[in-house]
Amino acid sequence: MSQVYGKVALIGLGLIASSMFWAMQRGKVAGTVLGYARSEETRDTARRIGLCDEVCDTAAEAVKDADLIVLATPVGAMARVMQDIAPHLKPGAVVIDVGSVKQTIIDEVTPHIPEGVHFVGTHPMAGTEHSGPEAGFATLFDNRWCLIVPTELSPQDATEKVETFWRALGANTERMDAEHHDLVCAVVSHIPHLIAYTMVGVADDLRRVSDQEVIKFSAAGFRDFTRIAASDPTMWRDVFLTNKDATIEMLGRFTEELFALQRAIRTGDGEQLHAYFTRTRAIRRSILEAGQDTDKPDFGRGQGEK
């Protein structure tokens, strides 16, 4: 692989940004990578593990002369961060985000983009339940999808270069508009997380009256729920507050499906249940065929794997 950007600034040094650095290093995708995190403890950890070529104590220092700036903070903090770094960006620089919501980010971030600087929304559909600078690894994006969401501040050449960058990190790319992105992510990511949080919360309530049997005898299905529910609470709080409309719409559809299954169970309609489970099993098979998971238990992770 060849270098795509000369100087990259990572603002926020959690799972996604740290994985981006290791993937950039693996493929020699960037000349120099600078990083910044709001927490001094995170910056110290990043320096200790060799994350980034240089870890800066201010965001302004990190973005100075950068060709690509990556906003990798929680969604709720991106507008403030963009406002802080805006005066320090050079003309021609490209800003991308890695948030899992797009319309809110575009509405809140792009007003602070200086003239001559370009913004391209991006969302790598990859992650684990782990967070922080030590959670990243170079192969996180391999054969995963990164959704590209151009705006009026996204010239064609800048968008194409961002796509080249993500492909160099191992990802597949696909473009879509912000509204469609937020709806898709509500279905494939946001609602499953909400259900997982709810399921684990209910089990915790049951545990109080069942002498810890729910935890003690957990089968793989429940363990998988707990893995999802262990995801970063700040990030997911911001996701639901900023993708409110799409989440509520999909939650309504989910509730309707749940009521239909409840009715089928109550009335003993085995035919409907069998047809429904057959259809959903086929969806799982198509995910495996697309290479987006393996048929191993625990979401394709072996013991000790990230």
Protein backbone atom coordinates (compact mmCIF):
# COMPACT_ATOMS: atom_id res chain seq x y z
CA MET A 1 0.00 0.00 0.00
CA SER A 2 1.11 3.55 -0.55
CA GLN A 3 0.75 6.66 1.56
CA VAL A 4 -2.66 8.38 1.24
CA TYR A 5 -2.18 11.37 3.58
CA GLY A 6 1.05 12.99 4.70
CA LYS A 7 -0.09 14.08 8.16
CA VAL A 8 -3.09 12.72 10.07
CA ALA A 9 -4.49 14.01 13.38
CA LEU A 10 -6.59 11.72 15.58
CA ILE A 11 -8.80 13.66 17.98
CA GLY A 12 -9.92 11.15 20.59
CA LEU A 13 -7.87 8.02 21.24
CA GLY A 14 -10.35 5.23 21.94
CA LEU A 15 -10.94 1.88 20.24
CA ILE A 16 -11.61 3.26 16.73
CA ALA A 17 -8.82 5.85 16.64
CA SER A 18 -6.25 3.48 18.11
CA SER A 19 -7.23 0.80 15.60
CA MET A 20 -6.93 3.37 12.82
CA PHE A 21 -3.39 4.16 13.93
CA TRP A 22 -2.29 0.52 14.00
CA ALA A 23 -3.94 -0.08 10.61
CA MET A 24 -2.25 3.03 9.18
CA GLN A 25 1.07 1.84 10.53
CA ARG A 26 0.55 -1.65 9.10
CA GLY A 27 -0.15 -0.34 5.60
CA LYS A 28 2.10 2.76 5.69
CA VAL A 29 -1.05 4.75 4.89
CA ALA A 30 0.11 8.02 6.53
CA GLY A 31 3.42 9.81 6.83
CA THR A 32 2.97 11.11 10.40
CA VAL A 33 0.13 10.52 12.86
CA LEU A 34 -0.49 12.88 15.77
CA GLY A 35 -3.02 12.21 18.50
CA TYR A 36 -4.90 14.09 21.18
CA ALA A 37 -7.25 13.03 23.97
CA ARG A 38 -8.98 15.24 26.52
CA SER A 39 -7.92 13.03 29.42
CA GLU A 40 -4.33 13.31 30.60
CA GLU A 41 -4.50 9.69 31.70
CA THR A 42 -5.46 8.61 28.16
CA ARG A 43 -2.62 10.67 26.69
CA ASP A 44 -0.14 9.09 29.12
CA THR A 45 -1.41 5.60 28.22
CA ALA A 46 -1.12 6.37 24.50
CA ARG A 47 2.49 7.51 24.93
CA ARG A 48 3.32 4.44 26.99
CA ILE A 49 2.07 1.99 24.34
CA GLY A 50 3.51 3.92 21.38
CA LEU A 51 0.13 4.96 20.02
CA CYS A 52 0.71 7.71 17.40
CA ASP A 53 4.01 9.19 16.32
CA GLU A 54 3.36 12.03 18.76
CA VAL A 55 0.67 12.58 21.40
CA CYS A 56 -0.10 16.28 21.87
CA ASP A 57 -1.40 18.07 24.97
CA THR A 58 -3.79 20.25 22.94
CA ALA A 59 -6.06 19.56 19.98
CA ALA A 60 -4.79 22.72 18.28
CA GLU A 61 -1.24 21.37 18.33
CA ALA A 62 -2.36 18.02 16.91
CA VAL A 63 -4.26 19.46 13.92
CA LYS A 64 -1.66 22.05 12.89
CA ASP A 65 -0.72 21.40 9.24
CA ALA A 66 -2.67 18.11 9.22
CA ASP A 67 -4.00 16.87 5.86
CA LEU A 68 -6.65 14.64 7.49
CA ILE A 69 -8.35 15.27 10.83
CA VAL A 70 -10.34 12.43 12.39
CA LEU A 71 -13.03 13.33 14.93
CA ALA A 72 -13.12 10.21 17.12
CA THR A 73 -14.75 11.62 20.25
CA PRO A 74 -18.23 10.73 21.52
CA VAL A 75 -20.88 12.19 19.19
CA GLY A 76 -22.06 14.70 21.80
CA ALA A 77 -18.60 16.30 22.03
CA MET A 78 -17.84 16.66 18.30
CA ALA A 79 -19.35 20.12 17.74
CA ARG A 80 -17.38 21.63 20.61
CA VAL A 81 -14.16 19.95 19.44
CA MET A 82 -14.72 21.17 15.88
CA GLN A 83 -15.26 24.71 17.12
CA ASP A 84 -11.99 24.54 19.10
CA ILE A 85 -9.82 23.23 16.25
CA ALA A 86 -11.38 25.23 13.38
CA PRO A 87 -9.00 28.23 13.59
CA HIS A 88 -5.99 25.92 13.40
CA LEU A 89 -6.85 23.97 10.22
CA LYS A 90 -4.96 24.62 7.02
CA PRO A 91 -6.80 25.26 3.72
CA GLY A 92 -7.40 22.02 1.82
CA ALA A 93 -7.50 19.89 4.97
CA VAL A 94 -10.15 17.18 5.17
CA VAL A 95 -12.15 16.50 8.35
CA ILE A 96 -13.88 13.15 8.86
CA ASP A 97 -15.81 11.75 11.79
CA VAL A 98 -16.27 8.13 12.85
CA GLY A 99 -19.60 8.50 14.65
CA SER A 100 -22.47 6.05 14.21
CA VAL A 101 -25.00 8.88 13.71
CA LYS A 102 -24.73 11.20 10.74
CA GLN A 103 -27.50 13.80 10.39
CA THR A 104 -26.94 15.29 13.85
CA ILE A 105 -23.17 15.37 13.35
CA ILE A 106 -23.55 17.09 9.98
CA ASP A 107 -25.99 19.63 11.44
CA GLU A 108 -23.79 20.40 14.45
CA VAL A 109 -20.26 20.06 13.07
CA THR A 110 -20.35 21.50 9.54
CA PRO A 111 -21.30 25.07 10.62
CA HIS A 112 -17.86 25.24 12.26
CA ILE A 113 -15.91 24.00 9.21
CA PRO A 114 -13.75 26.90 7.94
CA GLU A 115 -13.86 28.00 4.31
CA GLY A 116 -11.45 25.95 2.21
CA VAL A 117 -11.64 22.93 4.53
CA HIS A 118 -13.64 19.86 3.47
CA PHE A 119 -15.84 17.56 5.57
CA VAL A 120 -16.76 13.95 4.75
CA GLY A 121 -18.90 11.88 7.10
CA THR A 122 -17.63 8.33 7.66
CA HIS A 123 -18.78 5.45 9.87
CA PRO A 124 -16.67 2.29 10.21
CA MET A 125 -19.12 -0.53 11.01
CA ALA A 126 -16.66 -2.30 13.28
CA GLY A 127 -16.02 -2.47 16.98
CA THR A 128 -15.86 -4.56 20.12
CA GLU A 129 -17.26 -4.10 23.61
CA HIS A 130 -13.84 -2.81 24.72
CA SER A 131 -12.90 0.87 24.80
CA GLY A 132 -9.87 3.05 25.40
CA PRO A 133 -6.47 3.43 23.72
CA GLU A 134 -5.32 -0.08 24.62
CA ALA A 135 -8.37 -1.70 22.97
CA GLY A 136 -7.32 -1.03 19.37
CA PHE A 137 -5.82 -3.51 16.91
CA ALA A 138 -4.75 -3.27 13.27
CA THR A 139 -7.22 -5.77 11.81
CA LEU A 140 -10.42 -4.26 13.26
CA PHE A 141 -11.58 -2.88 9.89
CA ASP A 142 -10.55 -5.80 7.68
CA ASN A 143 -13.49 -6.83 5.45
CA ARG A 144 -15.85 -4.61 7.47
CA TRP A 145 -17.92 -1.85 5.92
CA CYS A 146 -17.18 1.84 6.29
CA LEU A 147 -20.17 3.95 5.26
CA ILE A 148 -19.25 7.20 3.50
CA VAL A 149 -21.69 10.10 3.85
CA PRO A 150 -20.72 13.09 1.68
CA THR A 151 -22.17 16.57 2.32
CA GLU A 152 -22.18 19.85 0.43
CA LEU A 153 -18.72 20.35 1.97
CA SER A 154 -17.45 17.14 0.33
CA PRO A 155 -15.89 17.70 -3.12
CA GLN A 156 -15.71 14.57 -5.29
CA ASP A 157 -11.92 14.32 -5.13
CA ALA A 158 -11.87 14.69 -1.32
CA THR A 159 -14.57 12.02 -0.96
CA GLU A 160 -12.74 9.61 -3.25
CA LYS A 161 -9.51 10.10 -1.31
CA VAL A 162 -11.31 9.37 1.98
CA GLU A 163 -12.67 6.17 0.40
CA THR A 164 -9.13 5.22 -0.69
CA PHE A 165 -7.95 5.87 2.88
CA TRP A 166 -10.54 3.55 4.45
CA ARG A 167 -9.90 0.83 1.89
CA ALA A 168 -6.19 1.10 2.73
CA LEU A 169 -7.14 0.38 6.36
CA GLY A 170 -8.79 -2.85 5.19
CA ALA A 171 -12.43 -1.75 4.98
CA ASN A 172 -15.00 -1.97 2.21
CA THR A 173 -16.75 1.34 1.47
CA GLU A 174 -20.23 2.34 0.39
CA ARG A 175 -21.77 5.79 0.01
CA MET A 176 -25.20 6.78 1.30
CA ASP A 177 -27.04 9.91 2.40
CA ALA A 178 -27.33 10.85 6.07
CA GLU A 179 -31.02 10.04 6.52
CA HIS A 180 -30.67 6.56 5.03
CA HIS A 181 -27.49 5.96 7.05
CA ASP A 182 -29.23 6.76 10.33
CA LEU A 183 -32.14 4.45 9.49
CA VAL A 184 -29.85 1.57 8.48
CA CYS A 185 -27.76 1.93 11.63
CA ALA A 186 -30.86 2.06 13.82
CA VAL A 187 -31.79 -1.38 12.44
CA VAL A 188 -28.41 -3.14 12.41
CA SER A 189 -26.74 -1.53 15.41
CA HIS A 190 -28.70 0.87 17.60
CA ILE A 191 -31.83 -1.20 18.28
CA PRO A 192 -29.82 -4.42 18.92
CA HIS A 193 -27.79 -2.52 21.51
CA LEU A 194 -30.96 -1.14 23.12
CA ILE A 195 -32.45 -4.64 23.27
CA ALA A 196 -29.22 -6.02 24.77
CA TYR A 197 -29.15 -3.34 27.46
CA THR A 198 -32.82 -4.09 28.25
CA MET A 199 -32.35 -7.87 28.32
CA VAL A 200 -29.39 -7.65 30.67
CA GLY A 201 -31.25 -5.17 32.87
CA VAL A 202 -34.25 -7.51 33.11
CA ALA A 203 -31.98 -10.45 33.92
CA ASP A 204 -30.34 -8.41 36.67
CA ASP A 205 -33.77 -7.78 38.20
CA LEU A 206 -34.56 -11.51 37.99
CA ARG A 207 -31.21 -12.37 39.54
CA ARG A 208 -32.25 -10.60 42.72
CA VAL A 209 -35.10 -13.06 43.24
CA SER A 210 -33.48 -16.21 41.84
CA ASP A 211 -30.28 -16.49 43.87
CA GLN A 212 -28.04 -15.48 40.93
CA GLU A 213 -29.28 -18.37 38.76
CA VAL A 214 -29.66 -16.13 35.68
CA ILE A 215 -25.95 -15.32 35.80
CA LYS A 216 -24.83 -18.72 37.07
CA PHE A 217 -26.56 -20.73 34.34
CA SER A 218 -26.21 -18.30 31.44
CA ALA A 219 -26.10 -20.01 28.05
CA ALA A 220 -24.33 -18.51 25.04
CA GLY A 221 -27.39 -16.50 23.98
CA PHE A 222 -27.46 -14.47 27.17
CA ARG A 223 -23.66 -14.16 27.27
CA ASP A 224 -23.79 -12.56 23.82
CA PHE A 225 -26.33 -10.03 25.10
CA THR A 226 -24.01 -9.14 27.99
CA ARG A 227 -21.09 -8.62 25.60
CA ILE A 228 -23.04 -6.04 23.59
CA ALA A 229 -24.38 -4.42 26.76
CA ALA A 230 -20.80 -3.91 27.99
CA SER A 231 -20.17 -1.29 25.27
CA ASP A 232 -19.09 2.25 26.16
CA PRO A 233 -22.01 3.94 28.00
CA THR A 234 -21.07 7.52 27.02
CA MET A 235 -20.94 6.68 23.34
CA TRP A 236 -24.27 4.84 23.37
CA ARG A 237 -26.02 7.52 25.42
CA ASP A 238 -25.03 10.04 22.74
CA VAL A 239 -26.07 7.68 19.91
CA PHE A 240 -29.63 7.32 21.19
CA LEU A 241 -30.04 11.01 21.99
CA THR A 242 -28.77 12.07 18.55
CA ASN A 243 -30.48 9.41 16.43
CA LYS A 244 -33.80 9.77 18.21
CA ASP A 245 -36.22 9.74 15.25
CA ALA A 246 -34.81 6.69 13.46
CA THR A 247 -34.41 4.77 16.73
CA ILE A 248 -38.01 5.45 17.81
CA GLU A 249 -39.33 4.48 14.36
CA MET A 250 -37.43 1.17 14.35
CA LEU A 251 -38.32 0.52 17.98
CA GLY A 252 -41.98 0.87 17.04
CA ARG A 253 -41.58 -1.70 14.27
CA PHE A 254 -39.73 -4.03 16.65
CA THR A 255 -42.54 -3.72 19.20
CA GLU A 256 -45.12 -4.64 16.54
CA GLU A 257 -43.13 -7.76 15.61
CA LEU A 258 -42.82 -8.69 19.28
CA PHE A 259 -46.58 -8.38 19.79
CA ALA A 260 -47.18 -10.59 16.73
CA LEU A 261 -44.88 -13.29 18.15
CA GLN A 262 -46.51 -12.95 21.55
CA ARG A 263 -49.92 -13.53 19.94
CA ALA A 264 -48.63 -16.54 17.99
CA ILE A 265 -47.28 -18.12 21.19
CA ARG A 266 -50.49 -17.39 23.11
CA THR A 267 -52.72 -18.88 20.40
CA GLY A 268 -50.45 -21.86 19.74
CA ASP A 269 -49.76 -20.84 16.14
CA GLY A 270 -46.76 -23.10 15.54
CA GLU A 271 -46.92 -22.59 11.78
CA GLN A 272 -46.36 -18.83 12.08
CA LEU A 273 -43.52 -19.29 14.57
CA HIS A 274 -41.78 -21.89 12.35
CA ALA A 275 -42.11 -19.67 9.25
CA TYR A 276 -40.78 -16.66 11.15
CA PHE A 277 -37.78 -18.51 12.59
CA THR A 278 -37.01 -20.06 9.18
CA ARG A 279 -36.89 -16.59 7.60
CA THR A 280 -34.65 -15.16 10.33
CA ARG A 281 -32.33 -18.19 10.13
CA ALA A 282 -31.84 -17.45 6.43
CA ILE A 283 -30.79 -13.89 7.29
CA ARG A 284 -28.12 -15.26 9.64
CA ARG A 285 -26.88 -17.57 6.89
CA SER A 286 -26.56 -14.63 4.48
CA ILE A 287 -24.47 -12.73 7.07
CA LEU A 288 -22.06 -15.69 7.28
CA GLU A 289 -21.92 -15.98 3.48
CA ALA A 290 -21.05 -12.27 3.25
CA GLY A 291 -18.07 -12.86 5.55
CA GLN A 292 -19.36 -10.49 8.24
CA ASP A 293 -19.16 -13.10 11.03
CA THR A 294 -18.17 -16.70 11.59
CA ASP A 295 -20.30 -19.58 12.85
CA LYS A 296 -18.24 -19.82 16.04
CA PRO A 297 -20.04 -19.11 19.32
CA ASP A 298 -19.80 -15.80 21.18
CA PHE A 299 -19.96 -13.61 18.06
CA GLY A 300 -17.05 -15.42 16.40
CA ARG A 301 -14.59 -14.71 19.20
CA GLY A 302 -12.42 -17.40 20.72
CA GLN A 303 -11.29 -17.29 24.32
CA GLY A 304 -9.16 -14.21 24.93
CA GLU A 305 -9.74 -12.68 21.49
CA LYS A 306 -10.76 -9.05 21.11
